[in-house]
Amino acid sequence: MELHAKLVRSQLNFFKPLAENCSLELTRKGQDKLGELMTAMHRRETFSREHDFRNFQGAWIMPKDERRTGVILYLHGGGYTCGSLEYAKGFASTLATECGVRVFCAAYRLAPEHPYPAALEDALESYEYLLKKGYPARQILLCGESAGGGLIYALCLKLKELGRPLPCGLVGISPWTDLTSSGASFETNRDVDPSMTRELLTFYAGCYTQTPEDPLCSPLFGDLHGLPPSLLFVGGDEVMLDDTRMLHEKLLQSGCRSKMHIAPERWHAYVLYCLNENMEEDFQSINHFLDKVLSPARSLRWMRLDNAAKIYPAAKRRNWNNFFRLSATLTEPVDTAVLRSALDVTARRFPSMAVRLRRGVFWYYLEQIPQAPAIQPEKSCPLAHAPFDQVRRCALRVLVYHDRIAVEFFHAITDGTERLLSPFERLGMPVHELAMMYTIAIRFVPTLFDEANHIMTAQAARGARIDEGRLIDRVKFFVPILVPLFASALRHAEELANAMEARCYTGGEGRTHYHILKIRKVDWLAMGLFALYLAALLLIGVFL
């Protein structure tokens, strides 16, 4: 076990005897504080909206980077006796951020003030609310941990009983599915579970119901045939291990699809702690499950370079590249773990940073990559060479050397065309400006084609007949198209001029080059072959 898990485990072991003797009121306050902490961690990545029901409250947690359709109905844990809306919003915020999907969390009524069936009734009302909001059952997934994990299965049994449509899938995190505590793991894991005891669970079960064997209280004893696919997580050291293991086995025996993850040396509802050792793998499994049963995640965005950056290498060798570098020297050594965390947050908030360079037919473009790049150690001398293949994987480098942080962005501006036209400079021609205009024109061809197509589609929608009539009529049709197209070209040119001016561009006079491009024999050979090819085409056109 690595440090993060060891630290959490030691803290749980320390508080375990205190939790057994705490009053219910104090336990509720502590659980709510934990939820507030989890919510604060994702405050910048989500926004929430509360919804009041007649007997309880719920809340929408919506990610700012929403990547998939549908909704997760999240039912929190707490032994049916603890957990306010603030606590429910905690892990709901984690789900929304990590999965890129809307989450509705329900703070159902708690025992002993409101025993069974209050929690089940509130869960059913939340599910019906989502159906009325326009979400079909195939776009609703249930998720819950501990008591909430058992409640999502009890809700499915109730929906079957009422003949209502079932959700598309179930994610259970250490689900409490047997309130009679009949599993063998209550004895085998008694001394290794750092957070839970049979006595505590018996107390919670007594607060909730007087008939713990009722399938709507202990779904393990219910008819599980026809339930949607399940994804289950459980800690290998928790006393409730058999609650999940027996549920998984019964689901398979009932003809349902189920996949179970048993995390060695982990405790009850360990997923909620977002452990450094498990979080990536756990949420990768959850996202893969959502892709299959809820909706596939939106494909990664790709972005065109801005107009100034479209002036990209017309002639470039693979053994050189340019980087725009920002560096800062701190007063103490860089903590790479903290920097890694900050980089991940920054990449999620500003996805256009974590991109790679791709080449299209007419221009280069940027494509978003799934995660921020790895932090690389830097030598004492900066500006080390980066292979072009590395830029194709990620156009951003984050480098650390003792107390120095450096961020490098790949960039380049074409000067290959200018070198090609350099002989005309002796005739007094503004070669740099001509090369610039030529390169810009080439880059704008696809843009103008797209805009011309939009204008033609709009004209056709108004009844214009593009493919009918005489040739002269069709030519006349294109005249009104050229006017807005010309105006659009001027607008693009103005945007480009402003962008270049913002980058302190002053023209070719006095411009220096870190790498001087020279025409070599292979370049002369390529131009000669191209000239012969053009001559051959001309001769074929004349004589044939």
Protein backbone atom coordinates (compact mmCIF):
# COMPACT_ATOMS: atom_id res chain seq x y z
CA MET A 1 0.00 0.00 0.00
CA GLU A 2 1.21 3.47 -0.82
CA LEU A 3 1.23 6.45 1.52
CA HIS A 4 -2.22 7.84 0.72
CA ALA A 5 -4.06 4.60 1.53
CA LYS A 6 -1.94 3.98 4.61
CA LEU A 7 -2.69 7.44 5.93
CA VAL A 8 -6.45 7.09 5.45
CA ARG A 9 -6.45 3.60 6.96
CA SER A 10 -4.57 4.77 10.04
CA GLN A 11 -7.05 7.60 10.54
CA LEU A 12 -10.01 5.23 10.19
CA ASN A 13 -8.47 2.85 12.72
CA PHE A 14 -7.99 5.75 15.12
CA PHE A 15 -11.58 6.96 14.86
CA LYS A 16 -13.21 3.49 14.76
CA PRO A 17 -13.70 3.13 18.58
CA LEU A 18 -14.86 6.75 18.77
CA ALA A 19 -17.43 6.22 16.01
CA GLU A 20 -18.87 3.20 17.81
CA ASN A 21 -19.61 5.32 20.88
CA CYS A 22 -20.68 8.55 19.14
CA SER A 23 -24.23 9.79 19.32
CA LEU A 24 -26.28 9.69 16.14
CA GLU A 25 -26.37 13.49 16.07
CA LEU A 26 -22.57 13.77 16.21
CA THR A 27 -22.16 11.09 13.52
CA ARG A 28 -24.53 13.00 11.25
CA LYS A 29 -22.58 16.24 11.71
CA GLY A 30 -19.28 14.52 10.90
CA GLN A 31 -20.69 12.88 7.77
CA ASP A 32 -22.12 16.18 6.55
CA LYS A 33 -18.72 17.88 6.99
CA LEU A 34 -17.16 15.16 4.86
CA GLY A 35 -19.71 15.87 2.13
CA GLU A 36 -19.05 19.60 2.28
CA LEU A 37 -15.33 18.92 1.83
CA MET A 38 -15.92 16.76 -1.25
CA THR A 39 -18.24 19.39 -2.70
CA ALA A 40 -15.65 22.13 -2.18
CA MET A 41 -13.05 20.09 -4.09
CA HIS A 42 -15.21 20.23 -7.24
CA ARG A 43 -16.86 23.64 -6.79
CA ARG A 44 -15.09 25.13 -9.80
CA GLU A 45 -15.93 22.18 -12.03
CA THR A 46 -19.65 21.86 -11.30
CA PHE A 47 -22.68 23.93 -10.50
CA SER A 48 -25.73 22.82 -8.55
CA ARG A 49 -29.45 23.55 -8.31
CA GLU A 50 -31.59 22.31 -5.44
CA HIS A 51 -35.08 20.90 -5.85
CA ASP A 52 -37.64 20.62 -3.04
CA PHE A 53 -40.01 17.67 -2.77
CA ARG A 54 -42.88 17.46 -0.32
CA ASN A 55 -40.96 15.38 2.26
CA PHE A 56 -37.30 15.74 1.30
CA GLN A 57 -34.77 17.66 -0.79
CA GLY A 58 -32.78 16.82 -3.88
CA ALA A 59 -30.14 18.58 -5.96
CA TRP A 60 -28.90 18.62 -9.52
CA ILE A 61 -25.11 18.51 -9.87
CA MET A 62 -24.11 19.48 -13.39
CA PRO A 63 -20.51 19.35 -14.71
CA LYS A 64 -19.22 22.33 -16.64
CA ASP A 65 -17.61 19.89 -19.06
CA GLU A 66 -20.65 17.71 -19.82
CA ARG A 67 -19.45 14.80 -21.96
CA ARG A 68 -22.42 12.46 -22.11
CA THR A 69 -26.22 12.48 -22.16
CA GLY A 70 -28.48 10.96 -19.54
CA VAL A 71 -28.51 11.28 -15.76
CA ILE A 72 -27.30 9.37 -12.69
CA LEU A 73 -29.68 9.11 -9.75
CA TYR A 74 -27.35 8.94 -6.75
CA LEU A 75 -28.58 7.62 -3.38
CA HIS A 76 -26.14 8.22 -0.54
CA GLY A 77 -25.09 5.89 2.25
CA GLY A 78 -25.09 6.31 6.01
CA GLY A 79 -26.91 3.29 7.40
CA TYR A 80 -30.28 4.86 6.54
CA THR A 81 -29.72 7.10 9.60
CA CYS A 82 -27.14 9.68 8.43
CA GLY A 83 -26.59 11.91 5.42
CA SER A 84 -28.09 15.29 4.59
CA LEU A 85 -28.26 16.95 1.20
CA GLU A 86 -24.78 18.43 1.79
CA TYR A 87 -23.35 14.96 2.21
CA ALA A 88 -25.17 13.65 -0.86
CA LYS A 89 -23.83 16.52 -2.98
CA GLY A 90 -20.26 15.53 -2.06
CA PHE A 91 -19.81 12.27 -3.97
CA ALA A 92 -22.40 13.44 -6.52
CA SER A 93 -19.95 16.22 -7.42
CA THR A 94 -17.17 13.67 -7.84
CA LEU A 95 -19.36 11.54 -10.10
CA ALA A 96 -20.39 14.53 -12.21
CA THR A 97 -16.80 15.72 -12.63
CA GLU A 98 -15.16 12.38 -13.33
CA CYS A 99 -17.90 11.00 -15.58
CA GLY A 100 -18.98 14.22 -17.30
CA VAL A 101 -22.67 13.53 -16.69
CA ARG A 102 -25.52 15.17 -14.79
CA VAL A 103 -26.22 13.72 -11.35
CA PHE A 104 -29.39 14.06 -9.31
CA CYS A 105 -28.89 13.26 -5.63
CA ALA A 106 -31.77 12.67 -3.25
CA ALA A 107 -31.48 13.34 0.49
CA TYR A 108 -34.15 10.83 1.47
CA ARG A 109 -35.73 10.89 4.93
CA LEU A 110 -33.65 9.25 7.66
CA ALA A 111 -34.35 6.70 10.39
CA PRO A 112 -35.15 6.41 13.24
CA GLU A 113 -37.36 9.51 12.77
CA HIS A 114 -38.60 8.11 9.45
CA PRO A 115 -38.15 4.31 9.31
CA TYR A 116 -38.84 1.97 6.38
CA PRO A 117 -40.45 2.54 3.88
CA ALA A 118 -39.68 6.30 3.95
CA ALA A 119 -36.29 6.04 2.20
CA LEU A 120 -37.70 3.73 -0.49
CA GLU A 121 -40.69 6.00 -1.07
CA ASP A 122 -38.40 9.02 -1.50
CA ALA A 123 -36.13 7.10 -3.88
CA LEU A 124 -39.17 6.09 -5.94
CA GLU A 125 -40.40 9.69 -6.01
CA SER A 126 -36.96 10.85 -7.22
CA TYR A 127 -36.99 8.27 -10.02
CA GLU A 128 -40.52 9.28 -11.09
CA TYR A 129 -39.40 12.92 -11.05
CA LEU A 130 -36.63 12.16 -13.56
CA LEU A 131 -39.10 10.33 -15.80
CA LYS A 132 -41.41 13.36 -15.71
CA LYS A 133 -38.46 15.60 -16.57
CA GLY A 134 -38.25 13.77 -19.90
CA TYR A 135 -35.49 11.25 -19.20
CA PRO A 136 -36.49 7.82 -20.51
CA ALA A 137 -35.58 4.88 -18.29
CA ARG A 138 -32.77 3.91 -20.69
CA GLN A 139 -31.15 7.29 -19.91
CA ILE A 140 -31.27 6.90 -16.10
CA LEU A 141 -28.58 5.03 -14.17
CA LEU A 142 -28.71 4.34 -10.42
CA CYS A 143 -25.65 4.67 -8.19
CA GLY A 144 -25.34 4.29 -4.43
CA GLU A 145 -22.87 3.38 -1.72
CA SER A 146 -23.48 1.38 1.47
CA ALA A 147 -27.15 1.83 2.44
CA GLY A 148 -27.68 3.76 -0.80
CA GLY A 149 -26.22 0.79 -2.67
CA GLY A 150 -28.82 -1.49 -1.14
CA LEU A 151 -31.52 1.10 -1.75
CA ILE A 152 -30.92 1.21 -5.52
CA TYR A 153 -31.60 -2.57 -5.68
CA ALA A 154 -34.65 -2.22 -3.42
CA LEU A 155 -35.88 0.53 -5.77
CA CYS A 156 -35.51 -1.80 -8.77
CA LEU A 157 -37.52 -4.51 -6.97
CA LYS A 158 -40.23 -1.93 -6.21
CA LEU A 159 -40.28 -0.76 -9.84
CA LYS A 160 -40.69 -4.38 -10.97
CA GLU A 161 -43.56 -4.79 -8.53
CA LEU A 162 -45.28 -1.65 -9.89
CA GLY A 163 -44.63 -2.57 -13.52
CA ARG A 164 -42.58 0.59 -14.07
CA PRO A 165 -39.62 0.73 -16.51
CA LEU A 166 -36.27 -0.16 -14.99
CA PRO A 167 -33.14 2.00 -15.24
CA CYS A 168 -30.37 1.19 -17.70
CA GLY A 169 -27.77 0.17 -15.12
CA LEU A 170 -26.69 0.00 -11.48
CA VAL A 171 -23.41 1.00 -9.85
CA GLY A 172 -23.13 -0.30 -6.28
CA ILE A 173 -20.25 0.72 -4.00
CA SER A 174 -20.08 -1.64 -1.00
CA PRO A 175 -23.87 -2.08 -1.18
CA TRP A 176 -25.60 -3.05 2.07
CA THR A 177 -27.91 -5.73 0.72
CA ASP A 178 -28.34 -7.99 3.78
CA LEU A 179 -29.57 -6.27 6.95
CA THR A 180 -29.51 -9.61 8.78
CA SER A 181 -25.67 -9.66 8.63
CA SER A 182 -25.59 -13.32 7.59
CA GLY A 183 -22.36 -13.19 5.56
CA ALA A 184 -19.27 -15.11 6.71
CA SER A 185 -17.09 -12.03 6.14
CA PHE A 186 -18.54 -10.46 9.30
CA GLU A 187 -16.32 -12.92 11.20
CA THR A 188 -13.38 -13.37 8.81
CA ASN A 189 -12.81 -9.62 8.39
CA ARG A 190 -13.82 -8.59 11.89
CA ASP A 191 -10.27 -7.72 12.96
CA VAL A 192 -9.04 -6.15 9.71
CA ASP A 193 -11.93 -3.81 8.84
CA PRO A 194 -10.79 -0.33 9.94
CA SER A 195 -14.20 1.37 9.83
CA MET A 196 -17.19 -0.93 10.28
CA THR A 197 -18.47 -3.51 12.81
CA ARG A 198 -21.40 -5.92 12.94
CA GLU A 199 -22.67 -4.24 16.12
CA LEU A 200 -22.87 -0.83 14.43
CA LEU A 201 -24.71 -2.26 11.43
CA THR A 202 -27.15 -4.10 13.69
CA PHE A 203 -27.92 -0.78 15.39
CA TYR A 204 -28.52 0.95 12.04
CA ALA A 205 -30.71 -1.92 10.82
CA GLY A 206 -32.81 -1.74 14.03
CA CYS A 207 -33.33 1.99 13.49
CA TYR A 208 -34.54 1.41 9.93
CA THR A 209 -36.75 -1.67 10.09
CA GLN A 210 -38.14 -4.38 12.34
CA THR A 211 -38.22 -6.87 9.44
CA PRO A 212 -34.65 -6.93 8.05
CA GLU A 213 -35.37 -10.06 6.01
CA ASP A 214 -37.91 -8.15 3.85
CA PRO A 215 -36.53 -8.09 0.26
CA LEU A 216 -37.31 -4.36 0.02
CA CYS A 217 -34.97 -3.88 3.01
CA SER A 218 -32.47 -6.65 2.14
CA PRO A 219 -32.54 -6.97 -1.67
CA LEU A 220 -30.27 -10.02 -1.46
CA PHE A 221 -33.39 -12.03 -0.54
CA GLY A 222 -35.49 -10.69 -3.43
CA ASP A 223 -36.20 -11.94 -6.95
CA LEU A 224 -33.40 -10.40 -9.02
CA HIS A 225 -34.51 -11.73 -12.40
CA GLY A 226 -34.69 -9.06 -15.09
CA LEU A 227 -32.58 -6.45 -13.28
CA PRO A 228 -30.36 -4.19 -15.42
CA PRO A 229 -26.56 -4.67 -15.67
CA SER A 230 -24.59 -4.07 -12.47
CA LEU A 231 -21.11 -2.80 -11.66
CA LEU A 232 -20.04 -3.53 -8.08
CA PHE A 233 -17.12 -2.27 -5.98
CA VAL A 234 -16.16 -3.64 -2.57
CA GLY A 235 -13.15 -3.55 -0.28
CA GLY A 236 -11.36 -6.82 0.40
CA ASP A 237 -11.03 -6.08 4.13
CA GLU A 238 -14.56 -4.94 4.95
CA VAL A 239 -16.96 -6.96 7.06
CA MET A 240 -19.69 -6.42 4.45
CA LEU A 241 -17.66 -8.10 1.70
CA ASP A 242 -20.13 -10.99 1.45
CA ASP A 243 -23.06 -8.58 0.97
CA THR A 244 -21.55 -7.66 -2.39
CA ARG A 245 -20.13 -11.10 -3.22
CA MET A 246 -23.42 -12.91 -2.60
CA LEU A 247 -25.34 -10.24 -4.52
CA HIS A 248 -23.00 -10.64 -7.49
CA GLU A 249 -23.39 -14.42 -7.48
CA LYS A 250 -27.18 -14.23 -7.23
CA LEU A 251 -27.37 -11.69 -10.05
CA LEU A 252 -25.42 -14.06 -12.32
CA GLN A 253 -27.61 -17.00 -11.26
CA SER A 254 -30.68 -14.90 -12.10
CA GLY A 255 -29.43 -14.29 -15.64
CA CYS A 256 -28.37 -10.69 -15.04
CA ARG A 257 -25.10 -9.13 -16.13
CA SER A 258 -22.81 -8.19 -13.24
CA LYS A 259 -19.16 -7.29 -12.82
CA MET A 260 -17.50 -7.09 -9.41
CA HIS A 261 -14.26 -5.36 -8.36
CA ILE A 262 -12.76 -6.51 -5.05
CA ALA A 263 -10.01 -4.10 -3.99
CA PRO A 264 -7.43 -5.88 -1.77
CA GLU A 265 -6.67 -4.24 1.60
CA ARG A 266 -9.44 -1.68 1.15
CA TRP A 267 -12.34 -0.85 3.44
CA HIS A 268 -16.03 -0.01 3.28
CA ALA A 269 -16.99 2.40 0.47
CA TYR A 270 -13.31 3.04 -0.30
CA VAL A 271 -14.22 4.56 -3.71
CA LEU A 272 -15.56 7.68 -1.98
CA TYR A 273 -12.10 8.45 -0.56
CA CYS A 274 -10.66 8.93 -4.08
CA LEU A 275 -7.45 7.15 -3.14
CA ASN A 276 -4.46 7.90 -5.31
CA GLU A 277 -3.84 4.17 -5.72
CA ASN A 278 -7.36 3.26 -6.90
CA MET A 279 -9.18 6.31 -8.23
CA GLU A 280 -7.98 6.21 -11.83
CA GLU A 281 -8.77 2.52 -12.29
CA ASP A 282 -12.13 2.73 -10.50
CA PHE A 283 -13.46 5.67 -12.50
CA GLN A 284 -12.09 4.20 -15.70
CA SER A 285 -14.28 1.15 -15.00
CA ILE A 286 -17.28 3.35 -14.18
CA ASN A 287 -16.85 5.40 -17.36
CA HIS A 288 -16.50 2.25 -19.46
CA PHE A 289 -19.70 0.92 -17.87
CA LEU A 290 -21.52 4.20 -18.59
CA ASP A 291 -20.33 4.08 -22.20
CA LYS A 292 -22.02 0.70 -22.62
CA VAL A 293 -25.28 1.10 -20.70
CA LEU A 294 -26.02 4.87 -20.46
CA SER A 295 -24.45 6.79 -23.34
CA PRO A 296 -21.00 7.00 -24.93
CA ALA A 297 -18.87 9.91 -23.83
CA ARG A 298 -18.60 12.72 -26.33
CA SER A 299 -15.53 12.36 -28.51
CA LEU A 300 -12.63 14.63 -27.72
CA ARG A 301 -12.87 18.09 -29.18
CA TRP A 302 -10.57 19.31 -31.92
CA MET A 303 -9.82 22.95 -32.55
CA ARG A 304 -8.52 24.83 -35.54
CA LEU A 305 -5.53 27.00 -34.89
CA ASP A 306 -6.29 30.71 -34.77
CA ASN A 307 -5.65 32.76 -37.90
CA ALA A 308 -2.13 33.82 -36.92
CA ALA A 309 -1.12 30.25 -36.15
CA LYS A 310 -2.51 29.00 -39.47
CA ILE A 311 0.59 30.53 -41.07
CA TYR A 312 2.20 27.17 -40.43
CA PRO A 313 5.33 25.51 -41.87
CA ALA A 314 5.09 25.30 -45.62
CA ALA A 315 8.58 23.85 -45.57
CA LYS A 316 9.84 22.32 -42.36
CA ARG A 317 12.35 19.69 -41.38
CA ARG A 318 11.52 17.12 -38.75
CA ASN A 319 14.78 17.65 -36.87
CA TRP A 320 13.92 21.13 -35.59
CA ASN A 321 11.04 22.81 -33.82
CA ASN A 322 10.15 25.99 -31.97
CA PHE A 323 8.72 26.43 -28.49
CA PHE A 324 7.21 29.38 -26.69
CA ARG A 325 8.55 29.07 -23.14
CA LEU A 326 7.36 30.45 -19.82
CA SER A 327 9.35 29.70 -16.67
CA ALA A 328 9.21 30.63 -13.01
CA THR A 329 11.76 30.15 -10.26
CA LEU A 330 10.32 29.49 -6.80
CA THR A 331 11.80 30.12 -3.38
CA GLU A 332 11.68 26.40 -2.54
CA PRO A 333 11.91 23.08 -4.44
CA VAL A 334 8.94 22.17 -6.62
CA ASP A 335 6.51 19.64 -5.15
CA THR A 336 5.75 17.51 -8.23
CA ALA A 337 2.70 15.86 -6.62
CA VAL A 338 1.06 19.24 -6.01
CA LEU A 339 2.08 20.40 -9.50
CA ARG A 340 0.58 17.24 -11.03
CA SER A 341 -2.72 17.86 -9.26
CA ALA A 342 -2.77 21.52 -10.35
CA LEU A 343 -1.97 20.52 -13.95
CA ASP A 344 -4.85 18.02 -14.03
CA VAL A 345 -7.30 20.64 -12.76
CA THR A 346 -6.02 23.22 -15.24
CA ALA A 347 -6.30 20.81 -18.17
CA ARG A 348 -9.90 19.98 -17.24
CA ARG A 349 -10.85 23.65 -16.93
CA PHE A 350 -8.98 24.71 -20.08
CA PRO A 351 -9.11 21.68 -22.41
CA SER A 352 -7.48 23.58 -25.28
CA MET A 353 -4.16 23.36 -23.38
CA ALA A 354 -3.81 19.58 -23.47
CA VAL A 355 -3.73 19.09 -27.22
CA ARG A 356 -1.65 17.41 -29.87
CA LEU A 357 -0.76 18.57 -33.36
CA ARG A 358 -2.53 16.90 -36.26
CA ARG A 359 -2.19 17.54 -39.97
CA GLY A 360 -5.17 17.96 -42.28
CA VAL A 361 -5.30 18.34 -46.05
CA PHE A 362 -4.83 22.11 -46.04
CA TRP A 363 -3.78 23.02 -42.53
CA TYR A 364 -2.61 21.77 -39.21
CA TYR A 365 -5.11 21.59 -36.37
CA LEU A 366 -5.16 20.78 -32.68
CA GLU A 367 -6.89 17.75 -31.20
CA GLN A 368 -7.69 17.41 -27.51
CA ILE A 369 -6.01 14.54 -25.67
CA PRO A 370 -7.61 12.64 -22.76
CA GLN A 371 -5.33 13.94 -20.01
CA ALA A 372 -2.59 16.42 -19.30
CA PRO A 373 0.98 15.41 -20.22
CA ALA A 374 3.41 13.89 -17.75
CA ILE A 375 5.73 16.24 -15.87
CA GLN A 376 9.24 15.86 -17.23
CA PRO A 377 12.53 16.49 -15.43
CA GLU A 378 14.62 19.21 -17.08
CA LYS A 379 18.35 19.49 -17.40
CA SER A 380 20.15 22.50 -16.01
CA CYS A 381 20.23 24.05 -19.51
CA PRO A 382 16.74 24.85 -20.87
CA LEU A 383 15.30 24.49 -24.38
CA ALA A 384 16.21 20.86 -24.95
CA HIS A 385 15.25 19.45 -28.34
CA ALA A 386 11.83 17.79 -28.55
CA PRO A 387 11.28 15.24 -31.35
CA PHE A 388 8.39 16.09 -33.66
CA ASP A 389 6.72 12.78 -32.78
CA GLN A 390 6.49 14.07 -29.22
CA VAL A 391 4.65 17.17 -30.45
CA ARG A 392 2.23 14.89 -32.29
CA ARG A 393 1.44 13.26 -28.93
CA CYS A 394 1.18 16.54 -26.97
CA ALA A 395 2.06 20.10 -27.96
CA LEU A 396 2.64 21.12 -24.33
CA ARG A 397 5.62 20.32 -22.11
CA VAL A 398 5.80 20.88 -18.35
CA LEU A 399 9.37 20.72 -17.06
CA VAL A 400 10.77 20.81 -13.52
CA TYR A 401 14.34 21.43 -12.42
CA HIS A 402 14.85 21.84 -8.66
CA ASP A 403 12.99 25.10 -7.88
CA ARG A 404 12.19 26.01 -11.50
CA ILE A 405 8.94 25.29 -13.37
CA ALA A 406 8.80 25.73 -17.14
CA VAL A 407 5.89 25.41 -19.55
CA GLU A 408 6.69 25.13 -23.27
CA PHE A 409 4.16 25.42 -26.11
CA PHE A 410 5.09 24.26 -29.58
CA HIS A 411 4.75 26.86 -32.35
CA ALA A 412 6.24 27.71 -35.74
CA ILE A 413 5.76 30.33 -38.46
CA THR A 414 6.43 29.48 -42.04
CA ASP A 415 9.45 30.80 -43.85
CA GLY A 416 9.86 28.03 -46.40
CA THR A 417 7.82 29.87 -49.04
CA GLU A 418 9.78 33.03 -48.40
CA ARG A 419 13.06 31.21 -49.03
CA LEU A 420 11.64 29.77 -52.21
CA LEU A 421 10.80 33.27 -53.51
CA SER A 422 13.99 34.91 -52.21
CA PRO A 423 15.57 35.40 -55.72
CA PHE A 424 12.79 37.93 -56.51
CA GLU A 425 14.01 40.06 -53.61
CA ARG A 426 16.77 41.41 -55.87
CA LEU A 427 14.08 42.87 -58.12
CA GLY A 428 12.73 44.91 -55.22
CA MET A 429 9.69 42.74 -54.66
CA PRO A 430 8.38 42.44 -51.04
CA VAL A 431 9.10 38.71 -50.87
CA HIS A 432 8.21 38.28 -47.21
CA GLU A 433 4.83 39.93 -47.62
CA LEU A 434 4.10 37.97 -50.82
CA ALA A 435 4.97 34.68 -49.11
CA MET A 436 2.80 35.64 -46.19
CA MET A 437 -0.16 36.51 -48.43
CA TYR A 438 0.25 33.28 -50.40
CA THR A 439 0.35 31.13 -47.29
CA ILE A 440 -2.64 32.87 -45.76
CA ALA A 441 -4.62 32.48 -48.98
CA ILE A 442 -3.93 28.73 -49.07
CA ARG A 443 -5.00 28.37 -45.44
CA PHE A 444 -8.24 30.28 -46.05
CA VAL A 445 -9.38 28.16 -49.02
CA PRO A 446 -11.20 25.51 -46.91
CA THR A 447 -12.77 28.21 -44.71
CA LEU A 448 -14.14 30.10 -47.72
CA PHE A 449 -15.40 26.86 -49.27
CA ASP A 450 -17.28 26.03 -46.06
CA GLU A 451 -18.84 29.49 -45.91
CA ALA A 452 -19.78 29.40 -49.60
CA ASN A 453 -21.48 26.05 -49.01
CA HIS A 454 -23.46 27.51 -46.07
CA ILE A 455 -24.59 30.46 -48.19
CA MET A 456 -25.62 28.20 -51.08
CA THR A 457 -27.57 25.95 -48.70
CA ALA A 458 -29.37 28.99 -47.29
CA GLN A 459 -30.21 30.21 -50.80
CA ALA A 460 -31.51 26.79 -51.79
CA ALA A 461 -33.71 26.75 -48.66
CA ARG A 462 -35.24 30.02 -49.94
CA GLY A 463 -36.20 28.37 -53.23
CA ALA A 464 -33.18 29.15 -55.41
CA ARG A 465 -32.43 26.56 -58.10
CA ILE A 466 -28.67 26.14 -58.37
CA ASP A 467 -28.49 23.22 -60.78
CA GLU A 468 -31.21 24.34 -63.18
CA GLY A 469 -31.30 26.74 -66.11
CA ARG A 470 -28.74 27.88 -68.67
CA LEU A 471 -25.08 28.35 -67.91
CA ILE A 472 -25.43 32.14 -67.84
CA ASP A 473 -28.29 31.83 -65.30
CA ARG A 474 -26.17 29.67 -63.03
CA VAL A 475 -23.28 32.13 -63.28
CA LYS A 476 -25.63 34.96 -62.31
CA PHE A 477 -26.75 32.93 -59.33
CA PHE A 478 -23.22 32.98 -57.90
CA VAL A 479 -22.93 36.79 -58.03
CA PRO A 480 -24.98 37.39 -54.82
CA ILE A 481 -22.98 34.61 -53.14
CA LEU A 482 -19.67 36.36 -53.83
CA VAL A 483 -20.71 39.55 -52.02
CA PRO A 484 -21.11 38.01 -48.50
CA LEU A 485 -18.15 35.75 -49.24
CA PHE A 486 -15.99 38.78 -50.04
CA ALA A 487 -17.20 40.49 -46.85
CA SER A 488 -16.34 37.36 -44.87
CA ALA A 489 -12.85 37.28 -46.37
CA LEU A 490 -12.32 40.90 -45.31
CA ARG A 491 -13.50 40.05 -41.81
CA HIS A 492 -11.06 37.13 -41.60
CA ALA A 493 -8.26 39.36 -42.88
CA GLU A 494 -9.02 41.94 -40.19
CA GLU A 495 -9.05 39.26 -37.49
CA LEU A 496 -5.72 37.99 -38.77
CA ALA A 497 -4.19 41.46 -38.79
CA ASN A 498 -5.32 42.05 -35.21
CA ALA A 499 -4.01 38.67 -34.08
CA MET A 500 -0.62 39.23 -35.69
CA GLU A 501 -0.38 42.74 -34.28
CA ALA A 502 -1.15 41.34 -30.81
CA ARG A 503 1.83 39.03 -31.32
CA CYS A 504 4.04 42.06 -32.07
CA TYR A 505 4.48 41.11 -35.71
CA THR A 506 6.23 43.90 -37.65
CA GLY A 507 6.92 42.36 -41.05
CA GLY A 508 9.99 40.82 -42.61
CA GLU A 509 12.37 43.73 -42.10
CA GLY A 510 14.96 42.81 -39.47
CA ARG A 511 13.35 39.45 -38.75
CA THR A 512 15.80 36.89 -37.41
CA HIS A 513 15.76 33.11 -37.78
CA TYR A 514 16.95 30.59 -35.25
CA HIS A 515 17.23 28.02 -38.07
CA ILE A 516 18.23 29.23 -41.52
CA LEU A 517 16.61 27.22 -44.29
CA LYS A 518 18.71 26.75 -47.40
CA ILE A 519 17.78 25.24 -50.73
CA ARG A 520 19.63 21.96 -51.15
CA LYS A 521 20.18 19.68 -54.14
CA VAL A 522 17.10 17.65 -53.32
CA ASP A 523 15.01 20.84 -53.40
CA TRP A 524 16.35 21.79 -56.85
CA LEU A 525 15.65 18.23 -58.02
CA ALA A 526 12.05 18.38 -56.70
CA MET A 527 11.44 21.73 -58.46
CA GLY A 528 12.92 20.37 -61.69
CA LEU A 529 10.69 17.30 -61.61
CA PHE A 530 7.67 19.50 -60.93
CA ALA A 531 8.59 21.75 -63.90
CA LEU A 532 8.91 18.68 -66.17
CA TYR A 533 5.53 17.46 -64.95
CA LEU A 534 3.90 20.80 -65.82
CA ALA A 535 5.60 20.84 -69.25
CA ALA A 536 4.34 17.31 -69.94
CA LEU A 537 0.80 18.32 -69.05
CA LEU A 538 1.06 21.36 -71.34
CA LEU A 539 2.35 19.30 -74.28
CA ILE A 540 -0.37 16.69 -73.81
CA GLY A 541 -3.00 19.43 -73.77
CA VAL A 542 -1.64 21.05 -76.96
CA PHE A 543 -0.96 18.01 -79.13
CA LEU A 544 -3.61 15.62 -77.85
